[in-house]
Amino acid sequence: ITIPFKSEVMHFLDRFDAISEKIGAVNTVVNEKGRLMGFNTDSNAAISVLEKRLRLHNKKIALIGAGGAGRAIAFAAIEKGASVLIIDKDGEKASALAKDCSGTVVKMDELQKISIDILITATPIGMHPNVNEMPVSKNVLKKDVVVFDIIYNPLETKLLKEAKKMGCKTVPGYEMFALQAAKQFELWTGTRVPVEFVKELTLTELKKGIK
């Protein structure tokens, strides 16, 4: 299940796992003997790729996007001890997420004045075919900030390219995509697959198909 249906799909399911119910978003549906069970594999995948780079405890994260993926990331990051600033063009959606996960709503024009450790974008801005778009201005991209864009088409978004130029550490979206897919495969088949194998396979296949 992908954007923009990760929350809406829950109305059609019979049960959810604890994480999905807490987050309010599902990205995986498993048919268990005729009953539809919802899971969220985005949450752990996003945090895993970030924690390969740095420990999240006491880090300040700016999260752009309060949809299904944004919700998954916000809850998981706060559980790891991070503080999360939430930015979304839909103020009501941002406020709802902040209330649910104990985050803080900030406006986009305030972001460049705030010192952050990590910038995460969980929106389709910059996705193919709109590859020249960015969800934030260059002024937000300060040296040594970790910038994570969950988009995987293109493999390197304009945001990540500009972040590299500014001296930021970058995290490509395909890594999260691969990790959450590995967990989905396990949920559907009961078989675990090596994560590094899934990452290599994901990257190979995306390179073939990406415009």
C-alpha atoms as a PDB file:
ATOM      1  CA  ILE A   1       0.000   0.000   0.000  1.00  0.00           C
ATOM      2  CA  THR A   2       1.546   3.309  -1.005  1.00  0.00           C
ATOM      3  CA  ILE A   3       0.766   7.018  -0.840  1.00  0.00           C
ATOM      4  CA  PRO A   4      -1.850   8.360  -0.387  1.00  0.00           C
ATOM      5  CA  PHE A   5      -3.724   5.297   0.905  1.00  0.00           C
ATOM      6  CA  LYS A   6      -1.727   4.117   3.928  1.00  0.00           C
ATOM      7  CA  SER A   7      -4.206   5.486   6.460  1.00  0.00           C
ATOM      8  CA  GLU A   8      -7.388   5.132   4.405  1.00  0.00           C
ATOM      9  CA  VAL A   9      -6.829   1.414   3.768  1.00  0.00           C
ATOM     10  CA  MET A  10      -7.247   0.694   7.479  1.00  0.00           C
ATOM     11  CA  HIS A  11     -11.020   1.136   7.165  1.00  0.00           C
ATOM     12  CA  PHE A  12     -11.131  -2.003   5.014  1.00  0.00           C
ATOM     13  CA  LEU A  13      -9.032  -4.309   7.203  1.00  0.00           C
ATOM     14  CA  ASP A  14     -10.057  -6.748   9.931  1.00  0.00           C
ATOM     15  CA  ARG A  15      -7.064  -6.339  12.250  1.00  0.00           C
ATOM     16  CA  PHE A  16      -3.732  -4.500  12.575  1.00  0.00           C
ATOM     17  CA  ASP A  17      -0.488  -5.207  14.342  1.00  0.00           C
ATOM     18  CA  ALA A  18       0.318  -3.003  17.339  1.00  0.00           C
ATOM     19  CA  ILE A  19       2.680  -0.689  15.434  1.00  0.00           C
ATOM     20  CA  SER A  20       0.204  -0.004  12.635  1.00  0.00           C
ATOM     21  CA  GLU A  21      -2.583   0.723  15.092  1.00  0.00           C
ATOM     22  CA  LYS A  22      -0.411   3.118  17.055  1.00  0.00           C
ATOM     23  CA  ILE A  23       0.868   4.906  13.947  1.00  0.00           C
ATOM     24  CA  GLY A  24      -2.460   4.928  12.121  1.00  0.00           C
ATOM     25  CA  ALA A  25      -0.950   3.778   8.828  1.00  0.00           C
ATOM     26  CA  VAL A  26      -0.515   0.444   7.034  1.00  0.00           C
ATOM     27  CA  ASN A  27       1.722  -0.367   4.083  1.00  0.00           C
ATOM     28  CA  THR A  28       1.327  -4.151   4.004  1.00  0.00           C
ATOM     29  CA  VAL A  29      -1.772  -6.353   3.957  1.00  0.00           C
ATOM     30  CA  VAL A  30      -1.653 -10.089   4.633  1.00  0.00           C
ATOM     31  CA  ASN A  31      -4.597 -12.395   3.996  1.00  0.00           C
ATOM     32  CA  GLU A  32      -4.722 -14.685   7.018  1.00  0.00           C
ATOM     33  CA  LYS A  33      -7.358 -17.338   6.234  1.00  0.00           C
ATOM     34  CA  GLY A  34      -9.724 -14.761   4.793  1.00  0.00           C
ATOM     35  CA  ARG A  35      -9.080 -12.050   7.386  1.00  0.00           C
ATOM     36  CA  LEU A  36      -7.111  -9.025   6.222  1.00  0.00           C
ATOM     37  CA  MET A  37      -4.297  -8.108   8.612  1.00  0.00           C
ATOM     38  CA  GLY A  38      -2.473  -4.767   8.354  1.00  0.00           C
ATOM     39  CA  PHE A  39       1.220  -4.220   9.079  1.00  0.00           C
ATOM     40  CA  ASN A  40       3.635  -1.298   8.833  1.00  0.00           C
ATOM     41  CA  THR A  41       7.159  -2.125   7.660  1.00  0.00           C
ATOM     42  CA  ASP A  42       8.114   1.503   6.933  1.00  0.00           C
ATOM     43  CA  SER A  43       8.722   2.382  10.566  1.00  0.00           C
ATOM     44  CA  ASN A  44      11.556   0.013  11.460  1.00  0.00           C
ATOM     45  CA  ALA A  45      13.083   0.274   7.975  1.00  0.00           C
ATOM     46  CA  ALA A  46      13.448   4.054   8.159  1.00  0.00           C
ATOM     47  CA  ILE A  47      14.959   3.997  11.630  1.00  0.00           C
ATOM     48  CA  SER A  48      17.353   1.186  10.724  1.00  0.00           C
ATOM     49  CA  VAL A  49      18.878   3.075   7.799  1.00  0.00           C
ATOM     50  CA  LEU A  50      19.276   6.192   9.941  1.00  0.00           C
ATOM     51  CA  GLU A  51      20.824   4.380  12.892  1.00  0.00           C
ATOM     52  CA  LYS A  52      23.491   2.956  10.577  1.00  0.00           C
ATOM     53  CA  ARG A  53      24.727   6.563  10.395  1.00  0.00           C
ATOM     54  CA  LEU A  54      24.069   7.946  13.886  1.00  0.00           C
ATOM     55  CA  ARG A  55      22.324   7.251  17.157  1.00  0.00           C
ATOM     56  CA  LEU A  56      18.932   8.980  17.289  1.00  0.00           C
ATOM     57  CA  HIS A  57      18.771   9.507  21.046  1.00  0.00           C
ATOM     58  CA  ASN A  58      18.636  13.256  21.834  1.00  0.00           C
ATOM     59  CA  LYS A  59      18.806  14.184  18.151  1.00  0.00           C
ATOM     60  CA  LYS A  60      16.553  16.888  16.709  1.00  0.00           C
ATOM     61  CA  ILE A  61      14.759  15.797  13.546  1.00  0.00           C
ATOM     62  CA  ALA A  62      12.860  17.978  11.089  1.00  0.00           C
ATOM     63  CA  LEU A  63      10.275  15.831   9.324  1.00  0.00           C
ATOM     64  CA  ILE A  64       8.569  17.150   6.207  1.00  0.00           C
ATOM     65  CA  GLY A  65       5.390  15.227   5.464  1.00  0.00           C
ATOM     66  CA  ALA A  66       2.732  14.045   7.910  1.00  0.00           C
ATOM     67  CA  GLY A  67       1.171  11.347   5.724  1.00  0.00           C
ATOM     68  CA  GLY A  68       1.417   7.600   6.258  1.00  0.00           C
ATOM     69  CA  ALA A  69       5.198   7.325   5.828  1.00  0.00           C
ATOM     70  CA  GLY A  70       5.788  10.465   7.870  1.00  0.00           C
ATOM     71  CA  ARG A  71       3.659   9.109  10.699  1.00  0.00           C
ATOM     72  CA  ALA A  72       5.608   5.842  10.711  1.00  0.00           C
ATOM     73  CA  ILE A  73       8.932   7.668  10.901  1.00  0.00           C
ATOM     74  CA  ALA A  74       7.800  10.153  13.554  1.00  0.00           C
ATOM     75  CA  PHE A  75       6.596   7.514  16.009  1.00  0.00           C
ATOM     76  CA  ALA A  76       9.675   5.334  15.558  1.00  0.00           C
ATOM     77  CA  ALA A  77      12.093   8.267  15.927  1.00  0.00           C
ATOM     78  CA  ILE A  78      10.465   9.485  19.130  1.00  0.00           C
ATOM     79  CA  GLU A  79      10.583   5.961  20.560  1.00  0.00           C
ATOM     80  CA  LYS A  80      14.352   6.105  19.981  1.00  0.00           C
ATOM     81  CA  GLY A  81      14.583   9.284  22.048  1.00  0.00           C
ATOM     82  CA  ALA A  82      14.681  11.876  19.259  1.00  0.00           C
ATOM     83  CA  SER A  83      12.628  15.072  19.198  1.00  0.00           C
ATOM     84  CA  VAL A  84      10.635  15.615  16.009  1.00  0.00           C
ATOM     85  CA  LEU A  85       9.642  18.886  14.359  1.00  0.00           C
ATOM     86  CA  ILE A  86       6.777  18.332  11.919  1.00  0.00           C
ATOM     87  CA  ILE A  87       6.208  20.368   8.764  1.00  0.00           C
ATOM     88  CA  ASP A  88       3.330  19.783   6.356  1.00  0.00           C
ATOM     89  CA  LYS A  89       1.426  22.027   3.954  1.00  0.00           C
ATOM     90  CA  ASP A  90      -1.728  20.641   5.571  1.00  0.00           C
ATOM     91  CA  GLY A  91      -1.614  22.286   8.986  1.00  0.00           C
ATOM     92  CA  GLU A  92      -4.357  20.095  10.430  1.00  0.00           C
ATOM     93  CA  LYS A  93      -2.530  16.934   9.417  1.00  0.00           C
ATOM     94  CA  ALA A  94       0.713  18.212  10.957  1.00  0.00           C
ATOM     95  CA  SER A  95      -1.069  19.176  14.178  1.00  0.00           C
ATOM     96  CA  ALA A  96      -2.785  15.798  14.409  1.00  0.00           C
ATOM     97  CA  LEU A  97       0.513  13.942  14.040  1.00  0.00           C
ATOM     98  CA  ALA A  98       2.247  16.193  16.565  1.00  0.00           C
ATOM     99  CA  LYS A  99      -0.522  15.543  19.076  1.00  0.00           C
ATOM    100  CA  ASP A 100      -0.473  11.783  18.488  1.00  0.00           C
ATOM    101  CA  CYS A 101       3.300  11.312  18.765  1.00  0.00           C
ATOM    102  CA  SER A 102       4.302  14.210  21.066  1.00  0.00           C
ATOM    103  CA  GLY A 103       6.071  16.079  18.275  1.00  0.00           C
ATOM    104  CA  THR A 104       6.145  19.811  17.568  1.00  0.00           C
ATOM    105  CA  VAL A 105       4.647  21.619  14.590  1.00  0.00           C
ATOM    106  CA  VAL A 106       6.814  24.250  12.876  1.00  0.00           C
ATOM    107  CA  LYS A 107       6.263  26.271   9.728  1.00  0.00           C
ATOM    108  CA  MET A 108       8.492  25.859   6.689  1.00  0.00           C
ATOM    109  CA  ASP A 109       9.798  29.430   6.863  1.00  0.00           C
ATOM    110  CA  GLU A 110      10.897  28.835  10.471  1.00  0.00           C
ATOM    111  CA  LEU A 111      12.987  25.809   9.636  1.00  0.00           C
ATOM    112  CA  GLN A 112      16.102  27.609   8.399  1.00  0.00           C
ATOM    113  CA  LYS A 113      16.364  29.395  11.781  1.00  0.00           C
ATOM    114  CA  ILE A 114      16.347  26.146  13.769  1.00  0.00           C
ATOM    115  CA  SER A 115      19.394  23.993  14.467  1.00  0.00           C
ATOM    116  CA  ILE A 116      18.668  20.365  13.537  1.00  0.00           C
ATOM    117  CA  ASP A 117      20.637  17.141  13.321  1.00  0.00           C
ATOM    118  CA  ILE A 118      18.531  15.325  10.726  1.00  0.00           C
ATOM    119  CA  LEU A 119      16.218  16.397   7.912  1.00  0.00           C
ATOM    120  CA  ILE A 120      13.768  13.767   6.654  1.00  0.00           C
ATOM    121  CA  THR A 121      11.459  14.333   3.716  1.00  0.00           C
ATOM    122  CA  ALA A 122       8.476  12.007   3.440  1.00  0.00           C
ATOM    123  CA  THR A 123       6.658  13.624   0.536  1.00  0.00           C
ATOM    124  CA  PRO A 124       6.506  12.926  -3.226  1.00  0.00           C
ATOM    125  CA  ILE A 125       8.130  16.293  -4.018  1.00  0.00           C
ATOM    126  CA  GLY A 126      11.097  15.573  -6.289  1.00  0.00           C
ATOM    127  CA  MET A 127       9.799  12.183  -7.428  1.00  0.00           C
ATOM    128  CA  HIS A 128       9.888  11.280 -11.132  1.00  0.00           C
ATOM    129  CA  PRO A 129       8.838  12.995 -13.356  1.00  0.00           C
ATOM    130  CA  ASN A 130       9.184  16.178 -11.239  1.00  0.00           C
ATOM    131  CA  VAL A 131      12.874  15.606 -10.601  1.00  0.00           C
ATOM    132  CA  ASN A 132      13.831  19.298 -10.466  1.00  0.00           C
ATOM    133  CA  GLU A 133      11.606  20.041  -7.480  1.00  0.00           C
ATOM    134  CA  MET A 134      12.737  20.247  -3.848  1.00  0.00           C
ATOM    135  CA  PRO A 135      10.598  20.214  -0.696  1.00  0.00           C
ATOM    136  CA  VAL A 136      12.852  22.769   1.058  1.00  0.00           C
ATOM    137  CA  SER A 137      15.058  25.678   0.055  1.00  0.00           C
ATOM    138  CA  LYS A 138      18.836  25.377   0.003  1.00  0.00           C
ATOM    139  CA  ASN A 139      19.014  27.623   3.079  1.00  0.00           C
ATOM    140  CA  VAL A 140      17.870  24.714   5.228  1.00  0.00           C
ATOM    141  CA  LEU A 141      20.758  22.504   4.103  1.00  0.00           C
ATOM    142  CA  LYS A 142      23.477  23.235   6.638  1.00  0.00           C
ATOM    143  CA  LYS A 143      26.784  21.385   6.745  1.00  0.00           C
ATOM    144  CA  ASP A 144      26.861  18.085   8.659  1.00  0.00           C
ATOM    145  CA  VAL A 145      23.073  17.741   8.826  1.00  0.00           C
ATOM    146  CA  VAL A 146      21.987  14.223   7.814  1.00  0.00           C
ATOM    147  CA  VAL A 147      19.468  14.488   4.955  1.00  0.00           C
ATOM    148  CA  PHE A 148      17.201  11.510   4.297  1.00  0.00           C
ATOM    149  CA  ASP A 149      14.810  11.541   1.330  1.00  0.00           C
ATOM    150  CA  ILE A 150      12.521   8.498   1.217  1.00  0.00           C
ATOM    151  CA  ILE A 151      11.978   8.857  -2.558  1.00  0.00           C
ATOM    152  CA  TYR A 152      13.714   6.114  -4.582  1.00  0.00           C
ATOM    153  CA  ASN A 153      12.860   7.294  -8.124  1.00  0.00           C
ATOM    154  CA  PRO A 154      15.209   8.969  -8.953  1.00  0.00           C
ATOM    155  CA  LEU A 155      17.843   7.160  -6.904  1.00  0.00           C
ATOM    156  CA  GLU A 156      19.370  10.508  -5.982  1.00  0.00           C
ATOM    157  CA  THR A 157      16.853  13.333  -5.763  1.00  0.00           C
ATOM    158  CA  LYS A 158      17.692  16.960  -6.356  1.00  0.00           C
ATOM    159  CA  LEU A 159      17.436  17.469  -2.609  1.00  0.00           C
ATOM    160  CA  LEU A 160      20.148  14.884  -1.958  1.00  0.00           C
ATOM    161  CA  LYS A 161      22.375  16.306  -4.691  1.00  0.00           C
ATOM    162  CA  GLU A 162      22.114  19.816  -3.262  1.00  0.00           C
ATOM    163  CA  ALA A 163      22.637  18.483   0.263  1.00  0.00           C
ATOM    164  CA  LYS A 164      25.902  16.821  -0.786  1.00  0.00           C
ATOM    165  CA  LYS A 165      27.114  20.121  -2.239  1.00  0.00           C
ATOM    166  CA  MET A 166      26.442  21.781   1.115  1.00  0.00           C
ATOM    167  CA  GLY A 167      28.480  19.181   2.992  1.00  0.00           C
ATOM    168  CA  CYS A 168      25.528  17.218   4.359  1.00  0.00           C
ATOM    169  CA  LYS A 169      25.534  13.480   4.874  1.00  0.00           C
ATOM    170  CA  THR A 170      22.820  11.906   2.706  1.00  0.00           C
ATOM    171  CA  VAL A 171      20.644   8.815   2.968  1.00  0.00           C
ATOM    172  CA  PRO A 172      18.991   7.528  -0.245  1.00  0.00           C
ATOM    173  CA  GLY A 173      15.409   6.317  -0.162  1.00  0.00           C
ATOM    174  CA  TYR A 174      16.122   2.989  -1.842  1.00  0.00           C
ATOM    175  CA  GLU A 175      17.722   1.718   1.385  1.00  0.00           C
ATOM    176  CA  MET A 176      14.468   2.131   3.309  1.00  0.00           C
ATOM    177  CA  PHE A 177      12.550   0.729   0.337  1.00  0.00           C
ATOM    178  CA  ALA A 178      14.692  -2.424   0.366  1.00  0.00           C
ATOM    179  CA  LEU A 179      14.478  -2.992   4.122  1.00  0.00           C
ATOM    180  CA  GLN A 180      10.723  -2.609   4.296  1.00  0.00           C
ATOM    181  CA  ALA A 181      10.360  -4.915   1.273  1.00  0.00           C
ATOM    182  CA  ALA A 182      12.457  -7.614   2.952  1.00  0.00           C
ATOM    183  CA  LYS A 183      10.092  -7.542   5.923  1.00  0.00           C
ATOM    184  CA  GLN A 184       7.071  -7.642   3.600  1.00  0.00           C
ATOM    185  CA  PHE A 185       8.471 -10.747   1.906  1.00  0.00           C
ATOM    186  CA  GLU A 186       8.837 -12.384   5.316  1.00  0.00           C
ATOM    187  CA  LEU A 187       5.252 -11.499   6.279  1.00  0.00           C
ATOM    188  CA  TRP A 188       3.842 -12.929   3.050  1.00  0.00           C
ATOM    189  CA  THR A 189       5.959 -16.084   2.802  1.00  0.00           C
ATOM    190  CA  GLY A 190       7.275 -16.808   6.300  1.00  0.00           C
ATOM    191  CA  THR A 191      10.803 -16.820   4.849  1.00  0.00           C
ATOM    192  CA  ARG A 192      13.558 -14.409   5.857  1.00  0.00           C
ATOM    193  CA  VAL A 193      15.898 -13.090   3.199  1.00  0.00           C
ATOM    194  CA  PRO A 194      19.315 -11.486   3.815  1.00  0.00           C
ATOM    195  CA  VAL A 195      18.890  -7.704   3.935  1.00  0.00           C
ATOM    196  CA  GLU A 196      22.076  -6.985   1.983  1.00  0.00           C
ATOM    197  CA  PHE A 197      20.896  -9.278  -0.804  1.00  0.00           C
ATOM    198  CA  VAL A 198      17.578  -7.408  -0.967  1.00  0.00           C
ATOM    199  CA  LYS A 199      19.393  -4.054  -1.055  1.00  0.00           C
ATOM    200  CA  GLU A 200      21.630  -5.171  -3.929  1.00  0.00           C
ATOM    201  CA  LEU A 201      18.686  -6.630  -5.833  1.00  0.00           C
ATOM    202  CA  THR A 202      16.600  -3.503  -5.242  1.00  0.00           C
ATOM    203  CA  LEU A 203      19.340  -1.206  -6.503  1.00  0.00           C
ATOM    204  CA  THR A 204      19.942  -3.356  -9.596  1.00  0.00           C
ATOM    205  CA  GLU A 205      16.266  -3.513 -10.522  1.00  0.00           C
ATOM    206  CA  LEU A 206      15.634   0.184  -9.840  1.00  0.00           C
ATOM    207  CA  LYS A 207      18.538   1.134 -12.108  1.00  0.00           C
ATOM    208  CA  LYS A 208      16.952  -0.917 -14.886  1.00  0.00           C
ATOM    209  CA  GLY A 209      13.515   0.622 -14.544  1.00  0.00           C
ATOM    210  CA  ILE A 210      14.093   4.219 -13.445  1.00  0.00           C
ATOM    211  CA  LYS A 211      13.650   6.846 -16.128  1.00  0.00           C
END
